[in-house]
Amino acid sequence: EYFGLGAHEEITRRQPVKAAKRGYYLIEEAGVTLPDFFSDSVRYMTTK
């Protein structure tokens, strides 16, 4: 998912999904990437 945030801003999105199969589903980690503005390198962090 792609976001653009200004100073002191919060963005909330609601993603519709379909539960196709019985089970217990857990998302344990997410990653955030910020590209360098003048090169191909990126900055990366993970969140629990």
All heavy atoms as atom14 arrays in JSON, in Angstrom:
{
  "sequence": "EYFGLGAHEEITRRQPVKAAKRGYYLIEEAGVTLPDFFSDSVRYMTTK",
  "atom14_mask": [
    [1, 1, 1, 1, 1, 1, 1, 1, 1, 0, 0, 0, 0, 0],
    [1, 1, 1, 1, 1, 1, 1, 1, 1, 1, 1, 1, 0, 0],
    [1, 1, 1, 1, 1, 1, 1, 1, 1, 1, 1, 0, 0, 0],
    [1, 1, 1, 1, 0, 0, 0, 0, 0, 0, 0, 0, 0, 0],
    [1, 1, 1, 1, 1, 1, 1, 1, 0, 0, 0, 0, 0, 0],
    [1, 1, 1, 1, 0, 0, 0, 0, 0, 0, 0, 0, 0, 0],
    [1, 1, 1, 1, 1, 0, 0, 0, 0, 0, 0, 0, 0, 0],
    [1, 1, 1, 1, 1, 1, 1, 1, 1, 1, 0, 0, 0, 0],
    [1, 1, 1, 1, 1, 1, 1, 1, 1, 0, 0, 0, 0, 0],
    [1, 1, 1, 1, 1, 1, 1, 1, 1, 0, 0, 0, 0, 0],
    [1, 1, 1, 1, 1, 1, 1, 1, 0, 0, 0, 0, 0, 0],
    [1, 1, 1, 1, 1, 1, 1, 0, 0, 0, 0, 0, 0, 0],
    [1, 1, 1, 1, 1, 1, 1, 1, 1, 1, 1, 0, 0, 0],
    [1, 1, 1, 1, 1, 1, 1, 1, 1, 1, 1, 0, 0, 0],
    [1, 1, 1, 1, 1, 1, 1, 1, 1, 0, 0, 0, 0, 0],
    [1, 1, 1, 1, 1, 1, 1, 0, 0, 0, 0, 0, 0, 0],
    [1, 1, 1, 1, 1, 1, 1, 0, 0, 0, 0, 0, 0, 0],
    [1, 1, 1, 1, 1, 1, 1, 1, 1, 0, 0, 0, 0, 0],
    [1, 1, 1, 1, 1, 0, 0, 0, 0, 0, 0, 0, 0, 0],
    [1, 1, 1, 1, 1, 0, 0, 0, 0, 0, 0, 0, 0, 0],
    [1, 1, 1, 1, 1, 1, 1, 1, 1, 0, 0, 0, 0, 0],
    [1, 1, 1, 1, 1, 1, 1, 1, 1, 1, 1, 0, 0, 0],
    [1, 1, 1, 1, 0, 0, 0, 0, 0, 0, 0, 0, 0, 0],
    [1, 1, 1, 1, 1, 1, 1, 1, 1, 1, 1, 1, 0, 0],
    [1, 1, 1, 1, 1, 1, 1, 1, 1, 1, 1, 1, 0, 0],
    [1, 1, 1, 1, 1, 1, 1, 1, 0, 0, 0, 0, 0, 0],
    [1, 1, 1, 1, 1, 1, 1, 1, 0, 0, 0, 0, 0, 0],
    [1, 1, 1, 1, 1, 1, 1, 1, 1, 0, 0, 0, 0, 0],
    [1, 1, 1, 1, 1, 1, 1, 1, 1, 0, 0, 0, 0, 0],
    [1, 1, 1, 1, 1, 0, 0, 0, 0, 0, 0, 0, 0, 0],
    [1, 1, 1, 1, 0, 0, 0, 0, 0, 0, 0, 0, 0, 0],
    [1, 1, 1, 1, 1, 1, 1, 0, 0, 0, 0, 0, 0, 0],
    [1, 1, 1, 1, 1, 1, 1, 0, 0, 0, 0, 0, 0, 0],
    [1, 1, 1, 1, 1, 1, 1, 1, 0, 0, 0, 0, 0, 0],
    [1, 1, 1, 1, 1, 1, 1, 0, 0, 0, 0, 0, 0, 0],
    [1, 1, 1, 1, 1, 1, 1, 1, 0, 0, 0, 0, 0, 0],
    [1, 1, 1, 1, 1, 1, 1, 1, 1, 1, 1, 0, 0, 0],
    [1, 1, 1, 1, 1, 1, 1, 1, 1, 1, 1, 0, 0, 0],
    [1, 1, 1, 1, 1, 1, 0, 0, 0, 0, 0, 0, 0, 0],
    [1, 1, 1, 1, 1, 1, 1, 1, 0, 0, 0, 0, 0, 0],
    [1, 1, 1, 1, 1, 1, 0, 0, 0, 0, 0, 0, 0, 0],
    [1, 1, 1, 1, 1, 1, 1, 0, 0, 0, 0, 0, 0, 0],
    [1, 1, 1, 1, 1, 1, 1, 1, 1, 1, 1, 0, 0, 0],
    [1, 1, 1, 1, 1, 1, 1, 1, 1, 1, 1, 1, 0, 0],
    [1, 1, 1, 1, 1, 1, 1, 1, 0, 0, 0, 0, 0, 0],
    [1, 1, 1, 1, 1, 1, 1, 0, 0, 0, 0, 0, 0, 0],
    [1, 1, 1, 1, 1, 1, 1, 0, 0, 0, 0, 0, 0, 0],
    [1, 1, 1, 1, 1, 1, 1, 1, 1, 0, 0, 0, 0, 0]
  ],
  "atom14_positions": [
    [[0.86, -1.19, 0.0], [0.0, 0.0, 0.0], [0.9, 1.24, 0.0], [1.95, 1.26, 0.65], [-0.89, 0.02, 1.25], [-2.04, -0.97, 1.2], [-3.26, -0.4, 0.5], [-3.07, 0.47, -0.37], [-4.38, -0.8, 0.83], [0.0, 0.0, 0.0], [0.0, 0.0, 0.0], [0.0, 0.0, 0.0], [0.0, 0.0, 0.0], [0.0, 0.0, 0.0]],
    [[0.45, 2.29, -0.7], [1.27, 3.5, -0.84], [0.59, 4.67, -0.14], [-0.61, 4.9, -0.29], [1.48, 3.81, -2.33], [2.14, 2.66, -3.07], [1.38, 1.75, -3.79], [3.52, 2.48, -3.01], [1.97, 0.68, -4.44], [4.12, 1.42, -3.66], [3.34, 0.52, -4.37], [3.94, -0.54, -5.01], [0.0, 0.0, 0.0], [0.0, 0.0, 0.0]],
    [[1.38, 5.41, 0.63], [0.89, 6.54, 1.41], [1.77, 7.76, 1.19], [2.98, 7.63, 0.96], [0.89, 6.2, 2.91], [-0.08, 5.13, 3.33], [0.24, 3.79, 3.17], [-1.3, 5.47, 3.88], [-0.65, 2.8, 3.55], [-2.19, 4.49, 4.27], [-1.87, 3.14, 4.1], [0.0, 0.0, 0.0], [0.0, 0.0, 0.0], [0.0, 0.0, 0.0]],
    [[1.16, 8.92, 1.29], [1.9, 10.18, 1.33], [1.38, 11.0, 2.51], [0.2, 11.36, 2.55], [0.0, 0.0, 0.0], [0.0, 0.0, 0.0], [0.0, 0.0, 0.0], [0.0, 0.0, 0.0], [0.0, 0.0, 0.0], [0.0, 0.0, 0.0], [0.0, 0.0, 0.0], [0.0, 0.0, 0.0], [0.0, 0.0, 0.0], [0.0, 0.0, 0.0]],
    [[2.24, 11.27, 3.48], [1.81, 11.94, 4.71], [2.52, 13.27, 4.88], [3.76, 13.36, 4.72], [2.06, 11.06, 5.93], [1.26, 9.77, 6.04], [2.08, 8.59, 5.55], [0.8, 9.54, 7.46], [0.0, 0.0, 0.0], [0.0, 0.0, 0.0], [0.0, 0.0, 0.0], [0.0, 0.0, 0.0], [0.0, 0.0, 0.0], [0.0, 0.0, 0.0]],
    [[1.75, 14.29, 5.22], [2.33, 15.56, 5.59], [2.7, 15.58, 7.05], [2.65, 14.56, 7.75], [0.0, 0.0, 0.0], [0.0, 0.0, 0.0], [0.0, 0.0, 0.0], [0.0, 0.0, 0.0], [0.0, 0.0, 0.0], [0.0, 0.0, 0.0], [0.0, 0.0, 0.0], [0.0, 0.0, 0.0], [0.0, 0.0, 0.0], [0.0, 0.0, 0.0]],
    [[3.08, 16.76, 7.55], [3.44, 16.9, 8.95], [2.22, 16.66, 9.83], [1.12, 17.14, 9.56], [4.01, 18.3, 9.19], [0.0, 0.0, 0.0], [0.0, 0.0, 0.0], [0.0, 0.0, 0.0], [0.0, 0.0, 0.0], [0.0, 0.0, 0.0], [0.0, 0.0, 0.0], [0.0, 0.0, 0.0], [0.0, 0.0, 0.0], [0.0, 0.0, 0.0]],
    [[2.41, 15.89, 10.9], [1.35, 15.6, 11.87], [0.06, 15.15, 11.19], [-1.02, 15.69, 11.44], [1.1, 16.83, 12.76], [2.29, 17.27, 13.53], [2.8, 16.55, 14.59], [3.1, 18.37, 13.37], [3.87, 17.19, 15.07], [4.08, 18.28, 14.35], [0.0, 0.0, 0.0], [0.0, 0.0, 0.0], [0.0, 0.0, 0.0], [0.0, 0.0, 0.0]],
    [[0.18, 14.15, 10.34], [-0.98, 13.65, 9.62], [-1.17, 12.15, 9.87], [-0.19, 11.42, 10.05], [-0.83, 13.89, 8.11], [-2.06, 13.49, 7.31], [-1.91, 13.77, 5.83], [-0.8, 14.14, 5.39], [-2.91, 13.62, 5.09], [0.0, 0.0, 0.0], [0.0, 0.0, 0.0], [0.0, 0.0, 0.0], [0.0, 0.0, 0.0], [0.0, 0.0, 0.0]],
    [[-2.43, 11.74, 9.89], [-2.77, 10.33, 10.04], [-3.72, 9.92, 8.92], [-4.68, 10.64, 8.62], [-3.44, 10.07, 11.4], [-3.84, 8.62, 11.63], [-4.43, 8.4, 13.01], [-3.65, 8.25, 13.97], [-5.69, 8.38, 13.12], [0.0, 0.0, 0.0], [0.0, 0.0, 0.0], [0.0, 0.0, 0.0], [0.0, 0.0, 0.0], [0.0, 0.0, 0.0]],
    [[-3.44, 8.79, 8.29], [-4.28, 8.27, 7.21], [-4.78, 6.88, 7.6], [-3.99, 6.02, 8.02], [-3.5, 8.2, 5.88], [-3.1, 9.61, 5.43], [-4.34, 7.52, 4.8], [-2.28, 9.61, 4.15], [0.0, 0.0, 0.0], [0.0, 0.0, 0.0], [0.0, 0.0, 0.0], [0.0, 0.0, 0.0], [0.0, 0.0, 0.0], [0.0, 0.0, 0.0]],
    [[-6.08, 6.68, 7.46], [-6.7, 5.38, 7.74], [-7.41, 4.88, 6.49], [-8.2, 5.61, 5.88], [-7.7, 5.48, 8.9], [-7.01, 5.88, 10.09], [-8.37, 4.13, 9.15], [0.0, 0.0, 0.0], [0.0, 0.0, 0.0], [0.0, 0.0, 0.0], [0.0, 0.0, 0.0], [0.0, 0.0, 0.0], [0.0, 0.0, 0.0], [0.0, 0.0, 0.0]],
    [[-7.12, 3.64, 6.11], [-7.79, 3.02, 4.98], [-8.44, 1.72, 5.42], [-7.9, 0.99, 6.25], [-6.79, 2.72, 3.85], [-6.25, 3.96, 3.17], [-5.24, 3.59, 2.12], [-4.67, 4.78, 1.49], [-3.58, 4.78, 0.74], [-2.95, 3.62, 0.51], [-3.12, 5.89, 0.2], [0.0, 0.0, 0.0], [0.0, 0.0, 0.0], [0.0, 0.0, 0.0]],
    [[-9.59, 1.44, 4.85], [-10.32, 0.21, 5.14], [-10.28, -0.68, 3.9], [-10.82, -0.32, 2.87], [-11.75, 0.53, 5.56], [-11.82, 1.04, 6.99], [-13.2, 1.53, 7.37], [-13.29, 1.75, 8.8], [-12.79, 2.8, 9.42], [-12.18, 3.75, 8.72], [-12.88, 2.92, 10.73], [0.0, 0.0, 0.0], [0.0, 0.0, 0.0], [0.0, 0.0, 0.0]],
    [[-9.64, -1.8, 4.06], [-9.43, -2.72, 2.94], [-10.44, -3.86, 3.02], [-10.42, -4.67, 3.96], [-8.01, -3.28, 3.02], [-7.63, -4.24, 1.91], [-7.09, -3.52, 0.71], [-7.86, -2.93, -0.04], [-5.78, -3.56, 0.53], [0.0, 0.0, 0.0], [0.0, 0.0, 0.0], [0.0, 0.0, 0.0], [0.0, 0.0, 0.0], [0.0, 0.0, 0.0]],
    [[-11.38, -3.98, 2.09], [-12.31, -5.11, 2.12], [-11.61, -6.41, 1.76], [-10.83, -6.47, 0.81], [-13.36, -4.73, 1.07], [-12.64, -3.81, 0.14], [-11.63, -3.07, 0.95], [0.0, 0.0, 0.0], [0.0, 0.0, 0.0], [0.0, 0.0, 0.0], [0.0, 0.0, 0.0], [0.0, 0.0, 0.0], [0.0, 0.0, 0.0], [0.0, 0.0, 0.0]],
    [[-11.88, -7.45, 2.53], [-11.3, -8.76, 2.27], [-12.41, -9.81, 2.35], [-13.49, -9.54, 2.88], [-10.17, -9.11, 3.27], [-9.05, -8.08, 3.2], [-10.72, -9.2, 4.7], [0.0, 0.0, 0.0], [0.0, 0.0, 0.0], [0.0, 0.0, 0.0], [0.0, 0.0, 0.0], [0.0, 0.0, 0.0], [0.0, 0.0, 0.0], [0.0, 0.0, 0.0]],
    [[-12.12, -10.99, 1.86], [-13.07, -12.11, 1.94], [-12.4, -13.28, 2.64], [-11.28, -13.67, 2.29], [-13.54, -12.53, 0.55], [-14.55, -13.67, 0.58], [-14.99, -14.04, -0.83], [-16.0, -15.19, -0.8], [-16.42, -15.59, -2.16], [0.0, 0.0, 0.0], [0.0, 0.0, 0.0], [0.0, 0.0, 0.0], [0.0, 0.0, 0.0], [0.0, 0.0, 0.0]],
    [[-13.07, -13.83, 3.64], [-12.55, -14.99, 4.37], [-12.97, -16.24, 3.62], [-14.07, -16.76, 3.81], [-13.09, -14.99, 5.8], [0.0, 0.0, 0.0], [0.0, 0.0, 0.0], [0.0, 0.0, 0.0], [0.0, 0.0, 0.0], [0.0, 0.0, 0.0], [0.0, 0.0, 0.0], [0.0, 0.0, 0.0], [0.0, 0.0, 0.0], [0.0, 0.0, 0.0]],
    [[-12.1, -16.74, 2.78], [-12.46, -17.85, 1.89], [-12.42, -19.2, 2.57], [-13.05, -20.15, 2.1], [-11.53, -17.86, 0.68], [0.0, 0.0, 0.0], [0.0, 0.0, 0.0], [0.0, 0.0, 0.0], [0.0, 0.0, 0.0], [0.0, 0.0, 0.0], [0.0, 0.0, 0.0], [0.0, 0.0, 0.0], [0.0, 0.0, 0.0], [0.0, 0.0, 0.0]],
    [[-11.69, -19.31, 3.7], [-11.5, -20.63, 4.31], [-11.45, -20.51, 5.82], [-10.94, -19.53, 6.35], [-10.19, -21.25, 3.77], [-9.94, -22.67, 4.21], [-8.64, -23.18, 3.6], [-8.32, -24.59, 4.06], [-7.03, -25.07, 3.53], [0.0, 0.0, 0.0], [0.0, 0.0, 0.0], [0.0, 0.0, 0.0], [0.0, 0.0, 0.0], [0.0, 0.0, 0.0]],
    [[-11.97, -21.54, 6.5], [-11.93, -21.59, 7.95], [-10.48, -21.52, 8.46], [-9.57, -22.08, 7.85], [-12.55, -22.92, 8.42], [-12.49, -23.14, 9.93], [-12.61, -24.62, 10.25], [-11.5, -25.39, 9.7], [-10.31, -25.54, 10.29], [-10.07, -24.95, 11.45], [-9.36, -26.24, 9.71], [0.0, 0.0, 0.0], [0.0, 0.0, 0.0], [0.0, 0.0, 0.0]],
    [[-10.27, -20.85, 9.59], [-8.94, -20.81, 10.16], [-8.75, -19.63, 11.08], [-9.65, -18.82, 11.32], [0.0, 0.0, 0.0], [0.0, 0.0, 0.0], [0.0, 0.0, 0.0], [0.0, 0.0, 0.0], [0.0, 0.0, 0.0], [0.0, 0.0, 0.0], [0.0, 0.0, 0.0], [0.0, 0.0, 0.0], [0.0, 0.0, 0.0], [0.0, 0.0, 0.0]],
    [[-7.53, -19.54, 11.62], [-7.13, -18.44, 12.5], [-5.99, -17.73, 11.79], [-4.92, -18.31, 11.56], [-6.68, -18.98, 13.85], [-6.12, -17.93, 14.79], [-6.96, -16.98, 15.37], [-4.76, -17.88, 15.09], [-6.46, -16.03, 16.23], [-4.25, -16.93, 15.95], [-5.1, -16.01, 16.52], [-4.6, -15.05, 17.37], [0.0, 0.0, 0.0], [0.0, 0.0, 0.0]],
    [[-6.22, -16.47, 11.44], [-5.27, -15.73, 10.62], [-4.7, -14.55, 11.4], [-5.45, -13.79, 12.02], [-5.95, -15.26, 9.33], [-6.5, -16.41, 8.54], [-7.87, -16.68, 8.53], [-5.66, -17.26, 7.83], [-8.38, -17.76, 7.82], [-6.17, -18.33, 7.11], [-7.52, -18.59, 7.12], [-8.02, -19.66, 6.42], [0.0, 0.0, 0.0], [0.0, 0.0, 0.0]],
    [[-3.38, -14.43, 11.35], [-2.69, -13.42, 12.14], [-1.64, -12.71, 11.29], [-0.81, -13.36, 10.65], [-2.02, -14.08, 13.35], [-1.26, -13.19, 14.32], [-2.22, -12.2, 14.99], [-0.54, -14.02, 15.36], [0.0, 0.0, 0.0], [0.0, 0.0, 0.0], [0.0, 0.0, 0.0], [0.0, 0.0, 0.0], [0.0, 0.0, 0.0], [0.0, 0.0, 0.0]],
    [[-1.69, -11.38, 11.28], [-0.64, -10.57, 10.65], [0.26, -10.09, 11.77], [-0.16, -9.3, 12.63], [-1.23, -9.37, 9.88], [-2.21, -9.86, 8.81], [-0.12, -8.54, 9.23], [-2.94, -8.74, 8.09], [0.0, 0.0, 0.0], [0.0, 0.0, 0.0], [0.0, 0.0, 0.0], [0.0, 0.0, 0.0], [0.0, 0.0, 0.0], [0.0, 0.0, 0.0]],
    [[1.48, -10.57, 11.82], [2.37, -10.31, 12.95], [3.38, -9.2, 12.69], [3.99, -8.7, 13.64], [3.13, -11.59, 13.32], [2.24, -12.72, 13.76], [3.03, -13.95, 14.16], [3.37, -14.74, 13.26], [3.31, -14.1, 15.36], [0.0, 0.0, 0.0], [0.0, 0.0, 0.0], [0.0, 0.0, 0.0], [0.0, 0.0, 0.0], [0.0, 0.0, 0.0]],
    [[3.56, -8.82, 11.42], [4.61, -7.84, 11.12], [4.25, -7.05, 9.87], [3.6, -7.56, 8.96], [5.95, -8.56, 10.92], [7.14, -7.64, 10.76], [8.44, -8.41, 10.63], [8.75, -8.84, 9.49], [9.14, -8.6, 11.65], [0.0, 0.0, 0.0], [0.0, 0.0, 0.0], [0.0, 0.0, 0.0], [0.0, 0.0, 0.0], [0.0, 0.0, 0.0]],
    [[4.63, -5.79, 9.86], [4.47, -4.94, 8.68], [5.77, -4.19, 8.45], [6.52, -3.89, 9.39], [3.32, -3.96, 8.87], [0.0, 0.0, 0.0], [0.0, 0.0, 0.0], [0.0, 0.0, 0.0], [0.0, 0.0, 0.0], [0.0, 0.0, 0.0], [0.0, 0.0, 0.0], [0.0, 0.0, 0.0], [0.0, 0.0, 0.0], [0.0, 0.0, 0.0]],
    [[6.05, -3.89, 7.19], [7.26, -3.13, 6.85], [6.9, -1.79, 6.23], [5.88, -1.65, 5.57], [0.0, 0.0, 0.0], [0.0, 0.0, 0.0], [0.0, 0.0, 0.0], [0.0, 0.0, 0.0], [0.0, 0.0, 0.0], [0.0, 0.0, 0.0], [0.0, 0.0, 0.0], [0.0, 0.0, 0.0], [0.0, 0.0, 0.0], [0.0, 0.0, 0.0]],
    [[7.74, -0.78, 6.49], [7.55, 0.55, 5.92], [8.83, 0.94, 5.18], [9.93, 0.83, 5.73], [7.23, 1.59, 7.0], [7.03, 2.97, 6.37], [5.98, 1.19, 7.78], [0.0, 0.0, 0.0], [0.0, 0.0, 0.0], [0.0, 0.0, 0.0], [0.0, 0.0, 0.0], [0.0, 0.0, 0.0], [0.0, 0.0, 0.0], [0.0, 0.0, 0.0]],
    [[8.66, 1.4, 3.94], [9.81, 1.78, 3.11], [9.69, 3.24, 2.71], [8.62, 3.68, 2.25], [9.88, 0.91, 1.85], [9.96, -0.46, 2.23], [11.1, 1.27, 1.01], [0.0, 0.0, 0.0], [0.0, 0.0, 0.0], [0.0, 0.0, 0.0], [0.0, 0.0, 0.0], [0.0, 0.0, 0.0], [0.0, 0.0, 0.0], [0.0, 0.0, 0.0]],
    [[10.79, 4.0, 2.87], [10.87, 5.39, 2.41], [12.01, 5.48, 1.4], [13.17, 5.21, 1.75], [11.13, 6.33, 3.58], [11.31, 7.82, 3.22], [9.98, 8.42, 2.78], [11.9, 8.6, 4.39], [0.0, 0.0, 0.0], [0.0, 0.0, 0.0], [0.0, 0.0, 0.0], [0.0, 0.0, 0.0], [0.0, 0.0, 0.0], [0.0, 0.0, 0.0]],
    [[11.74, 5.86, 0.16], [12.82, 5.94, -0.84], [13.7, 7.17, -0.62], [13.26, 8.19, -0.09], [12.06, 6.02, -2.16], [10.76, 6.67, -1.8], [10.43, 6.18, -0.42], [0.0, 0.0, 0.0], [0.0, 0.0, 0.0], [0.0, 0.0, 0.0], [0.0, 0.0, 0.0], [0.0, 0.0, 0.0], [0.0, 0.0, 0.0], [0.0, 0.0, 0.0]],
    [[14.94, 7.05, -1.03], [15.83, 8.21, -1.07], [15.4, 9.09, -2.26], [15.11, 8.6, -3.33], [17.28, 7.75, -1.25], [18.26, 8.9, -1.07], [18.23, 9.82, -1.91], [19.03, 8.86, -0.1], [0.0, 0.0, 0.0], [0.0, 0.0, 0.0], [0.0, 0.0, 0.0], [0.0, 0.0, 0.0], [0.0, 0.0, 0.0], [0.0, 0.0, 0.0]],
    [[15.37, 10.41, -2.04], [14.84, 11.3, -3.07], [15.79, 11.49, -4.25], [15.39, 11.93, -5.33], [14.5, 12.66, -2.46], [13.52, 12.56, -1.33], [13.79, 13.17, -0.11], [12.34, 11.86, -1.46], [12.89, 13.07, 0.93], [11.44, 11.76, -0.42], [11.71, 12.37, 0.79], [0.0, 0.0, 0.0], [0.0, 0.0, 0.0], [0.0, 0.0, 0.0]],
    [[17.08, 11.21, -4.07], [18.05, 11.49, -5.12], [18.86, 10.27, -5.54], [19.85, 10.4, -6.25], [19.02, 12.58, -4.64], [18.33, 13.87, -4.27], [18.05, 14.15, -2.95], [17.94, 14.78, -5.25], [17.42, 15.34, -2.61], [17.29, 15.96, -4.92], [17.02, 16.25, -3.59], [0.0, 0.0, 0.0], [0.0, 0.0, 0.0], [0.0, 0.0, 0.0]],
    [[18.43, 9.06, -5.09], [19.15, 7.84, -5.49], [18.17, 6.67, -5.46], [17.0, 6.81, -5.12], [20.33, 7.58, -4.54], [19.88, 7.2, -3.26], [0.0, 0.0, 0.0], [0.0, 0.0, 0.0], [0.0, 0.0, 0.0], [0.0, 0.0, 0.0], [0.0, 0.0, 0.0], [0.0, 0.0, 0.0], [0.0, 0.0, 0.0], [0.0, 0.0, 0.0]],
    [[18.68, 5.48, -5.79], [17.85, 4.28, -5.81], [17.77, 3.59, -4.45], [17.06, 2.59, -4.31], [18.4, 3.28, -6.83], [18.28, 3.8, -8.26], [17.37, 4.61, -8.51], [19.1, 3.39, -9.11], [0.0, 0.0, 0.0], [0.0, 0.0, 0.0], [0.0, 0.0, 0.0], [0.0, 0.0, 0.0], [0.0, 0.0, 0.0], [0.0, 0.0, 0.0]],
    [[18.46, 4.07, -3.46], [18.46, 3.43, -2.14], [17.14, 3.72, -1.41], [16.42, 4.66, -1.73], [19.64, 3.92, -1.31], [19.54, 5.31, -1.07], [0.0, 0.0, 0.0], [0.0, 0.0, 0.0], [0.0, 0.0, 0.0], [0.0, 0.0, 0.0], [0.0, 0.0, 0.0], [0.0, 0.0, 0.0], [0.0, 0.0, 0.0], [0.0, 0.0, 0.0]],
    [[16.84, 2.88, -0.43], [15.61, 3.04, 0.35], [15.93, 2.89, 1.84], [16.94, 2.28, 2.22], [14.53, 2.0, -0.05], [14.07, 2.19, -1.49], [15.05, 0.57, 0.15], [0.0, 0.0, 0.0], [0.0, 0.0, 0.0], [0.0, 0.0, 0.0], [0.0, 0.0, 0.0], [0.0, 0.0, 0.0], [0.0, 0.0, 0.0], [0.0, 0.0, 0.0]],
    [[15.04, 3.45, 2.65], [15.11, 3.27, 4.1], [13.96, 2.33, 4.5], [12.86, 2.46, 3.99], [14.99, 4.61, 4.82], [16.08, 5.6, 4.43], [15.82, 6.96, 5.05], [16.88, 7.92, 4.71], [16.87, 8.67, 3.62], [15.84, 8.6, 2.76], [17.86, 9.49, 3.37], [0.0, 0.0, 0.0], [0.0, 0.0, 0.0], [0.0, 0.0, 0.0]],
    [[14.23, 1.43, 5.45], [13.25, 0.39, 5.76], [13.16, 0.18, 7.26], [14.17, 0.21, 7.97], [13.64, -0.91, 5.07], [12.66, -2.05, 5.28], [11.46, -2.09, 4.58], [12.94, -3.08, 6.18], [10.55, -3.13, 4.75], [12.05, -4.12, 6.36], [10.85, -4.13, 5.65], [9.96, -5.16, 5.84], [0.0, 0.0, 0.0], [0.0, 0.0, 0.0]],
    [[11.95, -0.03, 7.75], [11.74, -0.39, 9.15], [10.6, -1.4, 9.25], [9.74, -1.48, 8.36], [11.4, 0.85, 10.0], [10.07, 1.52, 9.63], [9.59, 2.88, 10.75], [8.93, 1.96, 12.13], [0.0, 0.0, 0.0], [0.0, 0.0, 0.0], [0.0, 0.0, 0.0], [0.0, 0.0, 0.0], [0.0, 0.0, 0.0], [0.0, 0.0, 0.0]],
    [[10.61, -2.22, 10.3], [9.54, -3.18, 10.54], [8.81, -2.83, 11.83], [9.41, -2.25, 12.75], [10.08, -4.62, 10.64], [11.03, -4.69, 11.72], [10.75, -5.02, 9.34], [0.0, 0.0, 0.0], [0.0, 0.0, 0.0], [0.0, 0.0, 0.0], [0.0, 0.0, 0.0], [0.0, 0.0, 0.0], [0.0, 0.0, 0.0], [0.0, 0.0, 0.0]],
    [[7.54, -3.16, 11.89], [6.74, -2.92, 13.09], [5.98, -4.19, 13.44], [5.47, -4.89, 12.56], [5.73, -1.77, 12.88], [4.81, -2.14, 11.85], [6.45, -0.5, 12.47], [0.0, 0.0, 0.0], [0.0, 0.0, 0.0], [0.0, 0.0, 0.0], [0.0, 0.0, 0.0], [0.0, 0.0, 0.0], [0.0, 0.0, 0.0], [0.0, 0.0, 0.0]],
    [[5.9, -4.49, 14.73], [5.14, -5.65, 15.19], [3.64, -5.35, 15.11], [3.2, -4.26, 15.44], [5.52, -6.0, 16.63], [6.98, -6.44, 16.8], [7.23, -7.75, 16.07], [8.67, -8.23, 16.28], [8.94, -9.49, 15.54], [0.0, 0.0, 0.0], [0.0, 0.0, 0.0], [0.0, 0.0, 0.0], [0.0, 0.0, 0.0], [0.0, 0.0, 0.0]]
  ]
}
